[in-house]
Protein backbone atom coordinates (compact mmCIF):
# COMPACT_ATOMS: atom_id res chain seq x y z
CA MET A 1 68.24 -74.28 32.65
CA SER A 2 69.09 -70.87 31.20
CA LEU A 3 67.92 -67.30 31.54
CA ILE A 4 66.01 -64.92 29.32
CA ASP A 5 67.43 -61.51 30.22
CA VAL A 6 65.47 -58.31 29.54
CA SER A 7 67.60 -55.23 30.13
CA LYS A 8 66.46 -51.57 29.97
CA LEU A 9 63.67 -52.39 27.51
CA THR A 10 61.94 -49.30 26.14
CA PHE A 11 59.28 -49.38 23.43
CA ALA A 12 56.57 -47.16 21.95
CA TYR A 13 54.54 -47.60 18.79
CA ASP A 14 55.32 -45.30 15.86
CA GLY A 15 53.45 -42.04 16.18
CA SER A 16 52.71 -42.55 19.89
CA TYR A 17 54.02 -40.22 22.57
CA ASP A 18 53.52 -42.75 25.34
CA ASP A 19 55.94 -45.61 26.01
CA ILE A 20 54.47 -49.07 26.44
CA PHE A 21 57.64 -50.03 28.32
CA THR A 22 60.22 -47.67 29.82
CA ASP A 23 63.63 -48.89 31.02
CA VAL A 24 62.26 -52.33 32.05
CA SER A 25 64.67 -55.00 33.34
CA PHE A 26 64.00 -58.52 34.65
CA GLN A 27 64.97 -62.17 34.10
CA MET A 28 62.98 -65.32 33.33
CA ASP A 29 64.11 -68.92 33.69
CA THR A 30 63.53 -71.10 30.63
CA ASP A 31 62.24 -73.92 32.87
CA TRP A 32 59.45 -71.84 34.35
CA LYS A 33 55.74 -72.23 33.67
CA LEU A 34 55.05 -68.51 33.66
CA GLY A 35 51.59 -66.94 33.83
CA PHE A 36 51.41 -63.43 32.35
CA CYS A 37 48.88 -61.01 33.90
CA GLY A 38 47.98 -57.36 33.60
CA ARG A 39 45.17 -55.00 32.74
CA ASN A 40 44.00 -54.79 29.13
CA GLY A 41 46.18 -52.46 27.08
CA ARG A 42 49.24 -52.77 29.34
CA GLY A 43 51.31 -54.48 26.63
CA LYS A 44 51.16 -58.25 27.23
CA THR A 45 50.80 -59.21 23.57
CA THR A 46 53.20 -56.41 22.61
CA PHE A 47 55.85 -57.90 24.91
CA LEU A 48 55.42 -61.32 23.30
CA LYS A 49 55.84 -59.71 19.88
CA LEU A 50 59.01 -57.98 21.10
CA LEU A 51 60.41 -61.35 22.18
CA MET A 52 59.60 -62.62 18.68
CA GLY A 53 61.62 -59.72 17.19
CA GLU A 54 58.64 -58.22 15.35
CA TYR A 55 59.25 -54.64 16.53
CA GLU A 56 62.32 -52.48 16.98
CA TYR A 57 63.03 -51.44 20.55
CA ALA A 58 65.64 -49.85 22.77
CA GLY A 59 67.48 -51.96 25.32
CA ALA A 60 68.36 -55.63 25.05
CA ILE A 61 66.68 -59.05 25.13
CA SER A 62 69.05 -62.01 25.26
CA ALA A 63 68.16 -65.71 25.33
CA SER A 64 69.69 -69.08 24.44
CA VAL A 65 66.33 -70.49 23.29
CA ASN A 66 64.12 -69.91 20.28
CA PHE A 67 60.78 -68.22 20.82
CA ASP A 68 57.62 -69.71 19.28
CA TYR A 69 54.29 -67.90 19.29
CA PHE A 70 50.85 -69.38 19.83
CA PRO A 71 48.73 -69.33 17.77
CA PRO A 72 51.11 -70.01 14.87
CA ASP A 73 50.28 -69.00 11.32
CA ILE A 74 48.72 -71.88 9.39
CA ALA A 75 49.65 -71.50 5.73
CA ASP A 76 46.77 -73.57 4.31
CA PRO A 77 43.95 -74.64 6.68
CA ARG A 78 42.56 -76.82 3.88
CA GLU A 79 45.43 -79.26 4.38
CA ASN A 80 44.90 -82.38 6.43
CA THR A 81 45.75 -81.95 10.10
CA ILE A 82 48.72 -84.33 9.86
CA ASP A 83 50.25 -82.06 7.20
CA VAL A 84 49.62 -78.99 9.35
CA LEU A 85 51.35 -80.75 12.27
CA ASP A 86 54.25 -81.68 10.01
CA GLY A 87 54.61 -78.02 9.13
CA ILE A 88 54.69 -76.96 12.80
CA ALA A 89 56.96 -79.78 14.04
CA PRO A 90 58.72 -81.28 11.00
CA ASP A 91 61.28 -83.21 13.08
CA ALA A 92 58.76 -84.97 15.33
CA GLN A 93 57.87 -88.60 14.72
CA LEU A 94 54.29 -89.71 14.05
CA TRP A 95 54.11 -91.59 17.35
CA GLU A 96 55.13 -88.42 19.19
CA LYS A 97 52.33 -86.47 17.56
CA GLN A 98 49.86 -89.22 18.39
CA ARG A 99 51.07 -89.24 22.00
CA GLU A 100 50.61 -85.48 22.44
CA LEU A 101 47.12 -85.56 20.91
CA SER A 102 46.20 -88.49 23.14
CA ILE A 103 47.23 -86.53 26.26
CA LEU A 104 45.06 -83.66 25.01
CA GLU A 105 42.16 -86.10 24.45
CA VAL A 106 41.97 -85.42 20.73
CA ASP A 107 40.74 -88.33 18.60
CA GLU A 108 43.44 -89.64 16.29
CA ASP A 109 41.09 -89.50 13.30
CA VAL A 110 41.48 -85.69 13.20
CA LEU A 111 44.88 -86.26 11.58
CA CYS A 112 43.08 -87.37 8.41
CA ARG A 113 40.63 -84.46 8.39
CA PRO A 114 41.22 -81.01 6.88
CA PHE A 115 42.42 -78.65 9.59
CA ALA A 116 39.67 -76.16 8.66
CA THR A 117 36.97 -78.68 9.64
CA LEU A 118 38.22 -78.98 13.23
CA SER A 119 36.46 -77.13 16.04
CA ASN A 120 38.21 -74.15 17.62
CA GLY A 121 39.07 -76.29 20.63
CA GLU A 122 40.55 -79.05 18.49
CA ARG A 123 42.63 -76.53 16.53
CA THR A 124 43.97 -75.05 19.77
CA LYS A 125 45.02 -78.48 21.04
CA VAL A 126 46.63 -79.50 17.73
CA MET A 127 48.66 -76.28 17.51
CA LEU A 128 49.81 -76.57 21.13
CA ALA A 129 50.85 -80.19 20.59
CA GLY A 130 52.87 -79.24 17.52
CA LEU A 131 54.64 -76.32 19.17
CA PHE A 132 55.64 -78.33 22.25
CA LEU A 133 57.20 -80.96 19.95
CA ARG A 134 59.73 -78.42 18.69
CA GLU A 135 63.14 -78.62 20.36
CA ASN A 136 64.93 -75.85 22.28
CA ASN A 137 61.95 -73.56 22.15
CA PHE A 138 60.31 -71.28 24.69
CA LEU A 139 56.62 -71.03 23.94
CA LEU A 140 54.71 -67.74 24.07
CA ILE A 141 51.06 -68.73 24.48
CA ASP A 142 48.67 -65.83 23.88
CA GLU A 143 45.20 -66.33 25.37
CA PRO A 144 44.42 -69.90 24.30
CA THR A 145 41.41 -70.28 26.60
CA ASP A 146 39.13 -67.94 24.65
CA HIS A 147 38.43 -70.79 22.21
CA LEU A 148 38.04 -73.49 24.87
CA ASP A 149 34.97 -74.55 26.81
CA MET A 150 35.31 -75.39 30.49
CA ALA A 151 36.01 -79.10 29.94
CA ALA A 152 38.67 -78.34 27.33
CA ARG A 153 40.29 -75.80 29.65
CA ARG A 154 40.73 -78.48 32.30
CA ILE A 155 42.36 -80.79 29.75
CA VAL A 156 44.73 -78.12 28.41
CA ALA A 157 45.61 -76.97 31.95
CA ARG A 158 46.62 -80.53 32.89
CA TYR A 159 48.64 -80.74 29.67
CA LEU A 160 50.51 -77.50 30.38
CA LYS A 161 51.14 -78.59 33.95
CA GLY A 162 53.25 -81.42 32.53
CA LYS A 163 55.28 -79.05 30.36
CA ALA A 164 57.89 -76.38 31.10
CA GLY A 165 59.36 -73.42 29.29
CA PHE A 166 56.45 -71.15 28.43
CA VAL A 167 54.79 -67.81 29.05
CA LEU A 168 51.00 -68.05 29.21
CA VAL A 169 48.76 -65.03 28.77
CA SER A 170 45.41 -65.90 30.33
CA HIS A 171 42.78 -64.16 32.43
CA ASP A 172 41.22 -67.36 33.78
CA ARG A 173 42.13 -67.63 37.47
CA SER A 174 41.38 -71.35 37.79
CA PHE A 175 43.32 -72.12 34.61
CA LEU A 176 46.38 -70.22 35.81
CA ASP A 177 46.22 -71.84 39.25
CA GLU A 178 46.26 -75.27 37.64
CA CYS A 179 49.27 -74.95 35.37
CA VAL A 180 51.77 -72.16 36.26
CA ASP A 181 54.50 -71.91 38.89
CA HIS A 182 55.41 -68.22 38.45
CA ILE A 183 53.45 -65.07 37.66
CA LEU A 184 54.79 -62.22 35.51
CA SER A 185 52.66 -59.15 36.18
CA ILE A 186 52.61 -55.82 34.35
CA ASN A 187 51.67 -53.28 37.00
CA LYS A 188 51.10 -49.55 36.70
CA GLN A 189 54.70 -48.63 37.51
CA ASN A 190 56.73 -51.80 37.08
CA ILE A 191 56.93 -55.43 36.04
CA GLU A 192 57.26 -58.00 38.78
CA ILE A 193 57.76 -61.77 38.96
CA VAL A 194 56.29 -63.80 41.82
CA ARG A 195 56.96 -67.46 42.53
CA GLY A 196 53.68 -69.38 42.73
CA ASN A 197 50.35 -69.52 40.90
CA PHE A 198 47.76 -66.80 40.44
CA SER A 199 46.22 -67.22 43.90
CA VAL A 200 49.64 -66.79 45.52
CA TRP A 201 50.26 -63.63 43.48
CA ALA A 202 46.77 -62.26 44.24
CA GLU A 203 47.22 -62.85 47.98
CA GLN A 204 50.60 -61.13 48.00
CA LYS A 205 49.25 -58.24 45.95
CA MET A 206 46.28 -57.81 48.28
CA ARG A 207 48.58 -57.65 51.31
CA ARG A 208 50.94 -55.23 49.57
CA ASP A 209 48.06 -52.99 48.46
CA GLU A 210 46.59 -53.00 51.96
CA PHE A 211 49.97 -51.97 53.38
CA GLU A 212 50.38 -49.21 50.80
CA LEU A 213 46.85 -47.94 51.41
CA ALA A 214 47.52 -47.92 55.15
CA GLN A 215 50.60 -45.80 54.48
CA ASN A 216 48.75 -43.56 52.04
CA GLN A 217 47.65 -40.87 54.46
CA LYS A 218 51.03 -40.80 56.15
CA LEU A 219 52.83 -40.44 52.81
CA VAL A 220 50.47 -37.75 51.55
CA SER A 221 51.13 -35.75 54.72
CA GLU A 222 54.88 -36.30 54.46
CA ILE A 223 54.94 -35.34 50.79
CA GLY A 224 53.11 -32.12 51.65
CA ARG A 225 55.65 -31.33 54.38
CA LEU A 226 58.59 -32.03 52.04
CA ARG A 227 57.12 -29.85 49.31
CA GLU A 228 56.65 -26.97 51.73
CA ALA A 229 60.21 -27.42 53.02
CA ALA A 230 61.56 -27.48 49.46
CA ALA A 231 59.62 -24.31 48.66
CA GLN A 232 61.01 -22.60 51.78
CA ARG A 233 64.56 -23.58 50.78
CA ALA A 234 63.98 -22.15 47.33
CA ARG A 235 62.67 -18.87 48.79
CA TRP A 236 65.60 -18.70 51.22
CA ALA A 237 68.08 -19.26 48.38
CA ASP A 238 66.47 -16.48 46.35
CA LYS A 239 66.69 -14.07 49.31
CA THR A 240 70.35 -14.97 49.87
CA GLU A 241 71.07 -14.27 46.20
CA GLU A 242 69.42 -10.85 46.51
CA SER A 243 71.31 -9.99 49.72
CA LYS A 244 74.73 -10.10 48.11
CA TRP A 245 73.80 -7.17 45.89
CA GLU A 246 72.76 -5.15 48.93
CA ALA A 247 76.05 -5.73 50.83
CA GLY A 248 79.06 -3.47 50.52
CA ASP A 249 81.69 -6.21 50.17
CA ARG A 250 80.44 -7.98 47.08
CA GLY A 251 83.30 -10.51 46.97
CA PHE A 252 82.90 -11.86 50.53
CA PHE A 253 79.11 -11.89 50.58
CA GLY A 254 78.90 -13.15 47.01
CA HIS A 255 81.14 -16.15 47.85
CA LYS A 256 79.17 -16.88 51.02
CA ALA A 257 75.83 -16.54 49.23
CA ALA A 258 76.99 -18.88 46.45
CA LYS A 259 77.97 -21.56 48.99
CA MET A 260 74.65 -21.19 50.80
CA MET A 261 72.70 -21.35 47.54
CA LYS A 262 74.58 -24.48 46.43
CA ARG A 263 73.85 -26.14 49.76
CA SER A 264 70.21 -25.04 49.57
CA LYS A 265 69.84 -26.40 46.03
CA ASN A 266 71.35 -29.76 47.08
CA ILE A 267 68.90 -30.00 49.98
CA GLU A 268 66.03 -29.01 47.67
CA ARG A 269 67.10 -31.64 45.12
CA ARG A 270 67.23 -34.35 47.80
CA MET A 271 63.80 -33.32 49.04
CA ASN A 272 62.38 -33.49 45.51
CA ASP A 273 63.98 -36.92 44.99
CA SER A 274 62.36 -38.07 48.22
CA ILE A 275 59.01 -36.70 47.04
CA ASP A 276 59.33 -38.62 43.75
CA ARG A 277 60.18 -41.87 45.54
CA LYS A 278 57.34 -41.54 48.00
CA SER A 279 54.86 -40.50 45.31
CA ALA A 280 55.74 -43.64 43.31
CA LEU A 281 54.59 -45.76 46.25
CA LEU A 282 51.09 -44.37 45.80
CA LYS A 283 50.87 -45.08 42.07
CA ASN A 284 51.27 -48.86 41.78
CA ILE A 285 48.02 -49.86 43.47
CA GLU A 286 45.55 -51.31 40.97
CA THR A 287 42.49 -49.33 41.98
CA ALA A 288 39.47 -51.48 41.18
CA HIS A 289 36.67 -48.96 41.57
CA LYS A 290 33.25 -50.29 42.48
CA LEU A 291 30.99 -50.66 39.45
CA GLU A 292 27.32 -49.74 39.69
CA LEU A 293 24.16 -51.21 38.20
CA LYS A 294 20.51 -50.22 38.42
CA PRO A 295 18.44 -53.18 37.23
CA GLN A 296 14.68 -52.77 36.93
CA THR A 297 12.25 -54.92 38.88
CA TYR A 298 9.79 -56.82 36.71
CA ARG A 299 6.14 -56.80 37.70
CA ALA A 300 5.90 -60.61 37.85
CA LYS A 301 8.11 -63.19 39.52
CA ARG A 302 8.51 -65.21 36.31
CA LEU A 303 10.27 -63.40 33.46
CA LEU A 304 10.46 -66.05 30.75
CA GLU A 305 9.86 -69.74 30.11
CA LEU A 306 11.14 -72.12 27.44
CA SER A 307 9.40 -75.46 26.98
CA ASP A 308 10.60 -78.37 24.84
CA VAL A 309 12.69 -76.05 22.63
CA ALA A 310 14.73 -77.51 19.77
CA ILE A 311 17.06 -75.55 17.48
CA ARG A 312 17.95 -76.84 14.02
CA TYR A 313 20.11 -75.44 11.22
CA GLY A 314 19.25 -77.36 8.06
CA ASP A 315 19.61 -81.05 8.79
CA ARG A 316 21.66 -80.43 11.93
CA GLU A 317 19.83 -80.34 15.24
CA ILE A 318 22.03 -78.65 17.84
CA LEU A 319 19.54 -78.50 20.72
CA ARG A 320 16.65 -80.76 21.66
CA SER A 321 13.93 -80.78 24.34
CA PHE A 322 15.35 -77.82 26.25
CA ASN A 323 13.40 -76.38 29.18
CA LEU A 324 14.16 -73.28 31.25
CA THR A 325 12.25 -71.06 33.66
CA LEU A 326 13.78 -67.73 34.67
CA GLU A 327 12.49 -66.02 37.79
CA SER A 328 13.44 -62.71 39.37
CA GLY A 329 16.87 -62.92 41.01
CA ASP A 330 18.00 -66.00 39.08
CA ARG A 331 21.50 -65.91 37.64
CA VAL A 332 21.67 -68.83 35.24
CA ALA A 333 25.00 -70.04 33.84
CA LEU A 334 24.51 -72.02 30.63
CA MET A 335 27.16 -74.72 30.45
CA GLY A 336 28.12 -77.06 27.64
CA GLY A 337 30.74 -77.78 25.03
CA ASN A 338 31.24 -75.79 21.86
CA GLY A 339 28.43 -76.34 19.38
CA THR A 340 25.74 -77.28 21.90
CA GLY A 341 23.58 -74.26 21.03
CA LYS A 342 24.29 -71.86 23.90
CA SER A 343 24.72 -68.74 21.76
CA SER A 344 21.77 -69.67 19.55
CA LEU A 345 19.60 -70.05 22.63
CA LEU A 346 20.57 -66.59 23.93
CA LYS A 347 19.84 -65.04 20.53
CA LEU A 348 16.44 -66.78 20.47
CA ILE A 349 15.55 -65.32 23.89
CA CYS A 350 16.63 -61.88 22.66
CA GLY A 351 14.19 -62.12 19.77
CA GLU A 352 16.53 -62.92 16.90
CA ASP A 353 15.32 -65.11 14.04
CA VAL A 354 16.63 -68.51 15.16
CA PRO A 355 14.97 -71.59 13.56
CA HIS A 356 13.34 -73.51 16.38
CA THR A 357 10.41 -75.54 17.59
CA GLY A 358 8.82 -75.60 21.02
CA ARG A 359 7.36 -72.79 23.11
CA VAL A 360 9.16 -69.56 24.01
CA ASN A 361 7.22 -67.32 26.42
CA ILE A 362 8.84 -63.95 27.09
CA GLY A 363 7.25 -61.62 29.62
CA SER A 364 5.31 -58.70 28.18
CA GLN A 365 7.40 -55.51 27.91
CA LEU A 366 10.43 -57.33 29.32
CA ILE A 367 13.58 -55.21 28.85
CA ILE A 368 16.67 -57.23 27.96
CA SER A 369 20.26 -56.00 27.89
CA TYR A 370 22.34 -58.22 25.60
CA VAL A 371 26.12 -58.55 25.30
CA PRO A 372 27.06 -60.60 22.20
CA GLN A 373 30.07 -62.88 22.04
CA ASP A 374 31.75 -60.99 19.20
CA ALA A 375 32.99 -57.43 19.70
CA SER A 376 35.18 -57.11 16.60
CA PHE A 377 32.54 -55.04 14.76
CA LEU A 378 33.07 -51.97 16.98
CA THR A 379 34.28 -48.86 15.16
CA GLY A 380 33.88 -45.14 15.58
CA SER A 381 33.94 -42.97 18.67
CA LEU A 382 32.68 -43.78 22.15
CA ALA A 383 30.50 -40.66 22.08
CA ASP A 384 28.73 -41.79 18.89
CA TYR A 385 28.30 -45.28 20.33
CA ALA A 386 26.66 -43.89 23.49
CA GLU A 387 24.35 -41.72 21.39
CA LYS A 388 23.41 -44.68 19.16
CA TRP A 389 22.41 -46.78 22.17
CA LYS A 390 20.72 -43.83 23.92
CA ILE A 391 22.72 -44.22 27.12
CA ASP A 392 24.03 -41.45 29.34
CA ARG A 393 27.42 -40.46 27.92
CA THR A 394 28.88 -39.32 31.26
CA LEU A 395 27.81 -42.54 32.98
CA PHE A 396 29.21 -44.60 30.08
CA MET A 397 32.60 -42.87 30.22
CA SER A 398 32.68 -43.21 34.01
CA MET A 399 31.98 -46.93 33.72
CA LEU A 400 34.83 -47.37 31.23
CA ASN A 401 37.14 -45.33 33.45
CA LYS A 402 36.39 -47.70 36.34
CA LEU A 403 37.25 -50.59 33.99
CA ASP A 404 40.74 -49.05 33.58
CA PHE A 405 40.23 -46.99 30.42
CA SER A 406 42.72 -44.13 30.45
CA ARG A 407 41.81 -40.66 29.18
CA ILE A 408 43.78 -41.24 25.99
CA GLN A 409 41.56 -44.22 25.10
CA PHE A 410 38.47 -42.00 25.04
CA ASP A 411 39.78 -40.13 21.99
CA LYS A 412 40.64 -43.24 19.94
CA ASP A 413 38.57 -44.95 17.28
CA MET A 414 37.20 -48.18 18.72
CA ARG A 415 38.66 -50.16 15.80
CA ASP A 416 42.10 -49.51 17.38
CA TYR A 417 41.12 -51.02 20.73
CA SER A 418 42.41 -54.37 21.88
CA ALA A 419 39.96 -57.28 21.97
CA GLY A 420 39.63 -56.91 25.73
CA GLN A 421 38.94 -53.17 25.50
CA LYS A 422 36.23 -53.77 22.90
CA LYS A 423 34.55 -56.30 25.17
CA LYS A 424 34.64 -53.76 27.99
CA VAL A 425 32.78 -51.29 25.74
CA LEU A 426 29.95 -53.82 25.32
CA LEU A 427 29.90 -54.56 29.05
CA ALA A 428 29.93 -50.88 30.03
CA ARG A 429 27.03 -50.20 27.67
CA SER A 430 25.06 -53.06 29.21
CA LEU A 431 25.81 -51.84 32.74
CA CYS A 432 24.41 -48.42 31.78
CA GLU A 433 21.11 -49.94 30.65
CA ARG A 434 18.27 -50.31 33.13
CA ALA A 435 17.01 -53.75 32.17
CA HIS A 436 14.90 -56.47 33.74
CA VAL A 437 17.29 -59.21 32.65
CA TYR A 438 20.93 -59.16 31.48
CA ILE A 439 21.90 -61.74 28.88
CA TRP A 440 25.64 -62.02 28.30
CA ASP A 441 27.35 -64.34 25.82
CA GLU A 442 30.93 -65.05 26.94
CA PRO A 443 31.30 -61.53 28.38
CA LEU A 444 34.78 -62.11 29.79
CA ASN A 445 36.59 -63.12 26.60
CA TYR A 446 39.91 -61.22 26.52
CA VAL A 447 38.92 -59.18 29.62
CA ASP A 448 41.70 -58.90 32.20
CA VAL A 449 41.43 -60.76 35.48
CA LEU A 450 41.10 -57.68 37.72
CA SER A 451 38.15 -56.43 35.65
CA ARG A 452 36.60 -59.90 35.87
CA MET A 453 36.78 -59.68 39.63
CA GLN A 454 35.20 -56.19 39.52
CA ILE A 455 32.29 -57.48 37.44
CA GLU A 456 31.91 -60.47 39.73
CA GLU A 457 31.71 -58.17 42.77
CA LEU A 458 29.12 -56.03 40.96
CA ILE A 459 26.87 -59.03 40.33
CA LEU A 460 27.11 -60.21 43.92
CA ALA A 461 26.33 -56.69 45.19
CA TYR A 462 23.34 -55.85 42.95
CA GLU A 463 22.03 -59.39 42.26
CA PRO A 464 20.59 -58.71 38.78
CA THR A 465 18.53 -61.33 36.97
CA MET A 466 20.84 -62.88 34.39
CA ILE A 467 21.46 -65.62 31.87
CA PHE A 468 25.07 -65.91 30.79
CA VAL A 469 27.46 -68.19 28.97
CA GLU A 470 30.97 -68.18 30.40
CA HIS A 471 33.82 -70.69 30.61
CA ASP A 472 35.67 -69.01 33.50
CA LYS A 473 35.10 -71.56 36.28
CA ALA A 474 35.82 -69.18 39.15
CA PHE A 475 33.40 -66.59 37.78
CA CYS A 476 30.63 -69.15 37.24
CA ASP A 477 31.11 -70.70 40.68
CA ASN A 478 30.86 -67.30 42.35
CA ALA A 479 28.29 -65.45 40.21
CA ALA A 480 25.69 -68.06 39.23
CA THR A 481 22.72 -69.16 41.35
CA LYS A 482 21.79 -71.91 38.85
CA THR A 483 23.74 -74.00 36.39
CA VAL A 484 22.04 -75.48 33.32
CA ARG A 485 24.02 -77.92 31.17
CA LEU A 486 23.35 -78.33 27.47
CA LYS A 487 24.26 -81.60 25.78
């Protein structure tokens, strides 16, 4: 056991006036299984990069372990997987590599296949296995679940539960609950570490927020009283300063006035310090504003029907004999492993040219709001994006603000957004659209956990008709009224 000590860490990107971290200090134990949480854009990936020494910073980070980052760079994906593993963990024996892959339920024959031919889930497992075979390392795992289906997430969570010495950035509540024993959280005003899994942290945070909110009115009143008292002291000091020039004995009254002014300034300073401390108590609550949605009601109960649908790309059939009926109020979660045709099915329903057989009946004049899986294409300004999609700009900006977009983000080009912020743009646009049915393809990829909970609450409150693909178990369990599994 040893400590990773972060002392007075301060960092800002070149050209930015805003610090990502300011005078941050805390310690981590190298034996911890540490979940890393925080809103999108708060600096989670940046902090991992700072640990890796990729940026210059003020302050100090000291550790007796080496840091390894997931996902690692793969020099040549065309190499066989065994060669890729040898590059990641050159000192590990073959039997050790086979053991790790077996625990992760990866077939041994992948070792003889080019790494590039593996599925995203298989690549994730292989890279994790290789990194955990390195000695004296502390692993920085950056959002591994976004390439894993629900079954693979359970396997990887069990694998991580048997390991120690890592920081895991993930927004999947169930995944974090399964495999971490501490939570590192980037809050608005500080960084805190809580012993326990995500549910323990969330419960403590809820209680702390409730307490702070209960004290809110009292503090606001007290801050107002302190500010008025400070202002009165300042006015009194100014009058005392003026009085010494009106007195005949300048020396005596000047000395007395100076003492009174010094005392007044000290009292005023203490009052202002108290104001600052009390104001800080009001700023660390993660305000999750209620999102709004105005879905349209379709004229018929049944919105669409798929009968005996098969999807084929060339000689490869990825979906066969699929049937689905969507009625008003249904919220259908499409489940299945990677490559089972979920995204292709959503695109087919949305009218894209997907090669298929079978019958697809879409209701006449049915309005669909679609959120694609990929958001990397977003560029340009938010204003231009709102105009392109013919949505109300004010409503769009308000929706993003509720999803924790700060004012400074509104002026940026979307190409500079994080992956989570880009996904929020797609979601906010969809929430601004008055549709009969909302079709979302992995909408929560890279989206922070508090925003996921906001969106979940929105769905439960407004009960829109939906079809979605999502691998977040907690979200699916709470939001879906039906589950359809693809094989």
